[in-house]
Amino acid sequence: MKYLIKDTTPEERQIIVEKALAISLADAKVPSKEALELVYEYIDGKKELEEIQKEIIEKYKKGEE
């Protein structure tokens, strides 16, 4: 399955996010409100997953949660 915005519909992106969150919740804490807001930018077609991943990693490197 392709994950780029140009290759998916908002509905498909929603499903991708739901599956990823379900997997992450099985072994980790709930994502921060800020992280979830970034994920919605993917669903809305504003940012690619790669961009969001980089932003989240950078925030955690700085010690923000």
PDB file of N, CA and C in Angstrom:
ATOM      1  N   MET A   1       0.844  -1.183   0.000  1.00  0.00           N
ATOM      2  CA  MET A   1       0.000   0.000   0.000  1.00  0.00           C
ATOM      3  C   MET A   1       0.889   1.245   0.000  1.00  0.00           C
ATOM      4  N   LYS A   2       0.498   2.221  -0.725  1.00  0.00           N
ATOM      5  CA  LYS A   2       1.233   3.476  -0.778  1.00  0.00           C
ATOM      6  C   LYS A   2       0.671   4.421   0.270  1.00  0.00           C
ATOM      7  N   TYR A   3       1.551   5.245   0.843  1.00  0.00           N
ATOM      8  CA  TYR A   3       1.156   6.119   1.929  1.00  0.00           C
ATOM      9  C   TYR A   3       1.227   7.600   1.584  1.00  0.00           C
ATOM     10  N   LEU A   4       1.729   7.941   0.413  1.00  0.00           N
ATOM     11  CA  LEU A   4       1.837   9.339   0.037  1.00  0.00           C
ATOM     12  C   LEU A   4       0.455   9.946  -0.149  1.00  0.00           C
ATOM     13  N   ILE A   5       0.348  11.227   0.155  1.00  0.00           N
ATOM     14  CA  ILE A   5      -0.932  11.909   0.024  1.00  0.00           C
ATOM     15  C   ILE A   5      -1.488  11.772  -1.387  1.00  0.00           C
ATOM     16  N   LYS A   6      -0.616  11.928  -2.381  1.00  0.00           N
ATOM     17  CA  LYS A   6      -1.089  11.867  -3.770  1.00  0.00           C
ATOM     18  C   LYS A   6      -1.624  10.493  -4.148  1.00  0.00           C
ATOM     19  N   ASP A   7      -1.254   9.463  -3.381  1.00  0.00           N
ATOM     20  CA  ASP A   7      -1.669   8.096  -3.700  1.00  0.00           C
ATOM     21  C   ASP A   7      -2.819   7.586  -2.834  1.00  0.00           C
ATOM     22  N   THR A   8      -3.337   8.435  -1.940  1.00  0.00           N
ATOM     23  CA  THR A   8      -4.373   7.992  -1.011  1.00  0.00           C
ATOM     24  C   THR A   8      -5.499   9.020  -0.914  1.00  0.00           C
ATOM     25  N   THR A   9      -6.632   8.534  -0.479  1.00  0.00           N
ATOM     26  CA  THR A   9      -7.768   9.418  -0.197  1.00  0.00           C
ATOM     27  C   THR A   9      -7.743   9.740   1.301  1.00  0.00           C
ATOM     28  N   PRO A  10      -8.470  10.761   1.723  1.00  0.00           N
ATOM     29  CA  PRO A  10      -8.552  11.031   3.161  1.00  0.00           C
ATOM     30  C   PRO A  10      -9.057   9.817   3.952  1.00  0.00           C
ATOM     31  N   GLU A  11      -9.975   9.092   3.392  1.00  0.00           N
ATOM     32  CA  GLU A  11     -10.504   7.907   4.075  1.00  0.00           C
ATOM     33  C   GLU A  11      -9.427   6.840   4.241  1.00  0.00           C
ATOM     34  N   GLU A  12      -8.625   6.634   3.210  1.00  0.00           N
ATOM     35  CA  GLU A  12      -7.533   5.659   3.303  1.00  0.00           C
ATOM     36  C   GLU A  12      -6.493   6.111   4.323  1.00  0.00           C
ATOM     37  N   ARG A  13      -6.203   7.417   4.351  1.00  0.00           N
ATOM     38  CA  ARG A  13      -5.241   7.935   5.322  1.00  0.00           C
ATOM     39  C   ARG A  13      -5.763   7.760   6.742  1.00  0.00           C
ATOM     40  N   GLN A  14      -7.063   7.934   6.941  1.00  0.00           N
ATOM     41  CA  GLN A  14      -7.670   7.719   8.255  1.00  0.00           C
ATOM     42  C   GLN A  14      -7.467   6.273   8.698  1.00  0.00           C
ATOM     43  N   ILE A  15      -7.677   5.337   7.808  1.00  0.00           N
ATOM     44  CA  ILE A  15      -7.497   3.919   8.129  1.00  0.00           C
ATOM     45  C   ILE A  15      -6.037   3.627   8.448  1.00  0.00           C
ATOM     46  N   ILE A  16      -5.125   4.188   7.677  1.00  0.00           N
ATOM     47  CA  ILE A  16      -3.692   4.001   7.930  1.00  0.00           C
ATOM     48  C   ILE A  16      -3.347   4.484   9.333  1.00  0.00           C
ATOM     49  N   VAL A  17      -3.830   5.656   9.695  1.00  0.00           N
ATOM     50  CA  VAL A  17      -3.556   6.227  11.013  1.00  0.00           C
ATOM     51  C   VAL A  17      -4.175   5.367  12.113  1.00  0.00           C
ATOM     52  N   GLU A  18      -5.398   4.950  11.937  1.00  0.00           N
ATOM     53  CA  GLU A  18      -6.059   4.121  12.949  1.00  0.00           C
ATOM     54  C   GLU A  18      -5.301   2.819  13.187  1.00  0.00           C
ATOM     55  N   LYS A  19      -4.852   2.183  12.119  1.00  0.00           N
ATOM     56  CA  LYS A  19      -4.093   0.935  12.264  1.00  0.00           C
ATOM     57  C   LYS A  19      -2.766   1.185  12.970  1.00  0.00           C
ATOM     58  N   ALA A  20      -2.088   2.255  12.602  1.00  0.00           N
ATOM     59  CA  ALA A  20      -0.795   2.567  13.224  1.00  0.00           C
ATOM     60  C   ALA A  20      -0.971   2.883  14.705  1.00  0.00           C
ATOM     61  N   LEU A  21      -1.999   3.639  15.055  1.00  0.00           N
ATOM     62  CA  LEU A  21      -2.239   3.951  16.457  1.00  0.00           C
ATOM     63  C   LEU A  21      -2.602   2.708  17.250  1.00  0.00           C
ATOM     64  N   ALA A  22      -3.376   1.828  16.669  1.00  0.00           N
ATOM     65  CA  ALA A  22      -3.747   0.586  17.362  1.00  0.00           C
ATOM     66  C   ALA A  22      -2.506  -0.249  17.659  1.00  0.00           C
ATOM     67  N   ILE A  23      -1.606  -0.321  16.715  1.00  0.00           N
ATOM     68  CA  ILE A  23      -0.370  -1.080  16.917  1.00  0.00           C
ATOM     69  C   ILE A  23       0.485  -0.419  17.995  1.00  0.00           C
ATOM     70  N   SER A  24       0.626   0.899  17.932  1.00  0.00           N
ATOM     71  CA  SER A  24       1.482   1.585  18.898  1.00  0.00           C
ATOM     72  C   SER A  24       0.910   1.531  20.304  1.00  0.00           C
ATOM     73  N   LEU A  25      -0.402   1.556  20.442  1.00  0.00           N
ATOM     74  CA  LEU A  25      -1.014   1.514  21.764  1.00  0.00           C
ATOM     75  C   LEU A  25      -0.883   0.145  22.427  1.00  0.00           C
ATOM     76  N   ALA A  26      -0.622  -0.865  21.651  1.00  0.00           N
ATOM     77  CA  ALA A  26      -0.477  -2.200  22.209  1.00  0.00           C
ATOM     78  C   ALA A  26       0.777  -2.318  23.071  1.00  0.00           C
ATOM     79  N   ASP A  27       1.761  -1.454  22.829  1.00  0.00           N
ATOM     80  CA  ASP A  27       3.027  -1.588  23.559  1.00  0.00           C
ATOM     81  C   ASP A  27       3.604  -0.246  24.010  1.00  0.00           C
ATOM     82  N   ALA A  28       2.841   0.816  23.963  1.00  0.00           N
ATOM     83  CA  ALA A  28       3.396   2.125  24.325  1.00  0.00           C
ATOM     84  C   ALA A  28       2.311   3.003  24.944  1.00  0.00           C
ATOM     85  N   LYS A  29       2.748   4.177  25.391  1.00  0.00           N
ATOM     86  CA  LYS A  29       1.773   5.100  25.972  1.00  0.00           C
ATOM     87  C   LYS A  29       1.009   5.826  24.869  1.00  0.00           C
ATOM     88  N   VAL A  30      -0.057   6.467  25.248  1.00  0.00           N
ATOM     89  CA  VAL A  30      -0.904   7.209  24.311  1.00  0.00           C
ATOM     90  C   VAL A  30      -0.097   8.375  23.723  1.00  0.00           C
ATOM     91  N   PRO A  31      -0.193   8.588  22.415  1.00  0.00           N
ATOM     92  CA  PRO A  31       0.521   9.721  21.805  1.00  0.00           C
ATOM     93  C   PRO A  31       0.044  11.044  22.397  1.00  0.00           C
ATOM     94  N   SER A  32       0.936  12.017  22.424  1.00  0.00           N
ATOM     95  CA  SER A  32       0.582  13.331  22.948  1.00  0.00           C
ATOM     96  C   SER A  32      -0.469  13.992  22.060  1.00  0.00           C
ATOM     97  N   LYS A  33      -1.132  14.981  22.623  1.00  0.00           N
ATOM     98  CA  LYS A  33      -2.131  15.735  21.864  1.00  0.00           C
ATOM     99  C   LYS A  33      -1.475  16.374  20.647  1.00  0.00           C
ATOM    100  N   GLU A  34      -0.273  16.891  20.839  1.00  0.00           N
ATOM    101  CA  GLU A  34       0.450  17.527  19.741  1.00  0.00           C
ATOM    102  C   GLU A  34       0.772  16.525  18.624  1.00  0.00           C
ATOM    103  N   ALA A  35       1.189  15.321  18.998  1.00  0.00           N
ATOM    104  CA  ALA A  35       1.481  14.298  17.999  1.00  0.00           C
ATOM    105  C   ALA A  35       0.223  13.922  17.223  1.00  0.00           C
ATOM    106  N   LEU A  36      -0.880  13.801  17.922  1.00  0.00           N
ATOM    107  CA  LEU A  36      -2.141  13.462  17.251  1.00  0.00           C
ATOM    108  C   LEU A  36      -2.580  14.577  16.303  1.00  0.00           C
ATOM    109  N   GLU A  37      -2.368  15.825  16.704  1.00  0.00           N
ATOM    110  CA  GLU A  37      -2.707  16.945  15.821  1.00  0.00           C
ATOM    111  C   GLU A  37      -1.882  16.888  14.533  1.00  0.00           C
ATOM    112  N   LEU A  38      -0.613  16.511  14.652  1.00  0.00           N
ATOM    113  CA  LEU A  38       0.231  16.370  13.465  1.00  0.00           C
ATOM    114  C   LEU A  38      -0.286  15.262  12.555  1.00  0.00           C
ATOM    115  N   VAL A  39      -0.739  14.174  13.146  1.00  0.00           N
ATOM    116  CA  VAL A  39      -1.257  13.058  12.366  1.00  0.00           C
ATOM    117  C   VAL A  39      -2.489  13.491  11.563  1.00  0.00           C
ATOM    118  N   TYR A  40      -3.317  14.343  12.149  1.00  0.00           N
ATOM    119  CA  TYR A  40      -4.484  14.821  11.420  1.00  0.00           C
ATOM    120  C   TYR A  40      -4.090  15.686  10.224  1.00  0.00           C
ATOM    121  N   GLU A  41      -2.913  16.287  10.291  1.00  0.00           N
ATOM    122  CA  GLU A  41      -2.439  17.041   9.131  1.00  0.00           C
ATOM    123  C   GLU A  41      -2.171  16.092   7.958  1.00  0.00           C
ATOM    124  N   TYR A  42      -1.760  14.877   8.256  1.00  0.00           N
ATOM    125  CA  TYR A  42      -1.583  13.857   7.212  1.00  0.00           C
ATOM    126  C   TYR A  42      -2.945  13.456   6.650  1.00  0.00           C
ATOM    127  N   ILE A  43      -3.878  13.169   7.541  1.00  0.00           N
ATOM    128  CA  ILE A  43      -5.211  12.760   7.094  1.00  0.00           C
ATOM    129  C   ILE A  43      -5.825  13.847   6.208  1.00  0.00           C
ATOM    130  N   ASP A  44      -5.619  15.102   6.593  1.00  0.00           N
ATOM    131  CA  ASP A  44      -6.172  16.223   5.833  1.00  0.00           C
ATOM    132  C   ASP A  44      -5.384  16.537   4.565  1.00  0.00           C
ATOM    133  N   GLY A  45      -4.282  15.829   4.346  1.00  0.00           N
ATOM    134  CA  GLY A  45      -3.495  16.028   3.134  1.00  0.00           C
ATOM    135  C   GLY A  45      -2.558  17.224   3.184  1.00  0.00           C
ATOM    136  N   LYS A  46      -2.217  17.686   4.378  1.00  0.00           N
ATOM    137  CA  LYS A  46      -1.363  18.866   4.517  1.00  0.00           C
ATOM    138  C   LYS A  46       0.115  18.525   4.670  1.00  0.00           C
ATOM    139  N   LYS A  47       0.419  17.371   5.281  1.00  0.00           N
ATOM    140  CA  LYS A  47       1.803  16.961   5.497  1.00  0.00           C
ATOM    141  C   LYS A  47       1.938  15.464   5.252  1.00  0.00           C
ATOM    142  N   GLU A  48       3.079  15.085   4.699  1.00  0.00           N
ATOM    143  CA  GLU A  48       3.372  13.664   4.489  1.00  0.00           C
ATOM    144  C   GLU A  48       3.790  13.022   5.816  1.00  0.00           C
ATOM    145  N   LEU A  49       3.649  11.716   5.910  1.00  0.00           N
ATOM    146  CA  LEU A  49       4.044  10.994   7.118  1.00  0.00           C
ATOM    147  C   LEU A  49       5.509  11.220   7.455  1.00  0.00           C
ATOM    148  N   GLU A  50       6.351  11.249   6.451  1.00  0.00           N
ATOM    149  CA  GLU A  50       7.779  11.446   6.685  1.00  0.00           C
ATOM    150  C   GLU A  50       8.047  12.788   7.378  1.00  0.00           C
ATOM    151  N   GLU A  51       7.350  13.832   6.959  1.00  0.00           N
ATOM    152  CA  GLU A  51       7.508  15.147   7.583  1.00  0.00           C
ATOM    153  C   GLU A  51       7.068  15.110   9.047  1.00  0.00           C
ATOM    154  N   ILE A  52       5.952  14.470   9.285  1.00  0.00           N
ATOM    155  CA  ILE A  52       5.410  14.377  10.635  1.00  0.00           C
ATOM    156  C   ILE A  52       6.349  13.576  11.525  1.00  0.00           C
ATOM    157  N   GLN A  53       6.856  12.478  11.007  1.00  0.00           N
ATOM    158  CA  GLN A  53       7.783  11.649  11.761  1.00  0.00           C
ATOM    159  C   GLN A  53       9.014  12.456  12.170  1.00  0.00           C
ATOM    160  N   LYS A  54       9.558  13.217  11.251  1.00  0.00           N
ATOM    161  CA  LYS A  54      10.728  14.040  11.556  1.00  0.00           C
ATOM    162  C   LYS A  54      10.418  15.071  12.631  1.00  0.00           C
ATOM    163  N   GLU A  55       9.253  15.706  12.541  1.00  0.00           N
ATOM    164  CA  GLU A  55       8.856  16.703  13.536  1.00  0.00           C
ATOM    165  C   GLU A  55       8.725  16.079  14.923  1.00  0.00           C
ATOM    166  N   ILE A  56       8.092  14.931  14.997  1.00  0.00           N
ATOM    167  CA  ILE A  56       7.897  14.270  16.291  1.00  0.00           C
ATOM    168  C   ILE A  56       9.237  13.846  16.877  1.00  0.00           C
ATOM    169  N   ILE A  57      10.089  13.271  16.063  1.00  0.00           N
ATOM    170  CA  ILE A  57      11.409  12.855  16.542  1.00  0.00           C
ATOM    171  C   ILE A  57      12.198  14.062  17.045  1.00  0.00           C
ATOM    172  N   GLU A  58      12.155  15.144  16.319  1.00  0.00           N
ATOM    173  CA  GLU A  58      12.871  16.359  16.719  1.00  0.00           C
ATOM    174  C   GLU A  58      12.350  16.896  18.052  1.00  0.00           C
ATOM    175  N   LYS A  59      11.046  16.861  18.258  1.00  0.00           N
ATOM    176  CA  LYS A  59      10.471  17.338  19.515  1.00  0.00           C
ATOM    177  C   LYS A  59      10.935  16.471  20.686  1.00  0.00           C
ATOM    178  N   TYR A  60      10.981  15.162  20.488  1.00  0.00           N
ATOM    179  CA  TYR A  60      11.413  14.281  21.570  1.00  0.00           C
ATOM    180  C   TYR A  60      12.916  14.426  21.835  1.00  0.00           C
ATOM    181  N   LYS A  61      13.689  14.703  20.816  1.00  0.00           N
ATOM    182  CA  LYS A  61      15.125  14.954  21.006  1.00  0.00           C
ATOM    183  C   LYS A  61      15.344  16.179  21.879  1.00  0.00           C
ATOM    184  N   LYS A  62      14.446  17.173  21.720  1.00  0.00           N
ATOM    185  CA  LYS A  62      14.548  18.403  22.509  1.00  0.00           C
ATOM    186  C   LYS A  62      13.956  18.230  23.911  1.00  0.00           C
ATOM    187  N   GLY A  63      13.343  17.075  24.163  1.00  0.00           N
ATOM    188  CA  GLY A  63      12.776  16.806  25.481  1.00  0.00           C
ATOM    189  C   GLY A  63      11.345  17.272  25.652  1.00  0.00           C
ATOM    190  N   GLU A  64      10.684  17.617  24.565  1.00  0.00           N
ATOM    191  CA  GLU A  64       9.299  18.043  24.630  1.00  0.00           C
ATOM    192  C   GLU A  64       8.391  16.834  24.517  1.00  0.00           C
ATOM    193  N   GLU A  65       7.232  16.897  25.175  1.00  0.00           N
ATOM    194  CA  GLU A  65       6.253  15.819  25.027  1.00  0.00           C
ATOM    195  C   GLU A  65       4.892  16.363  24.820  1.00  0.00           C
TER     196      GLU A  65
END
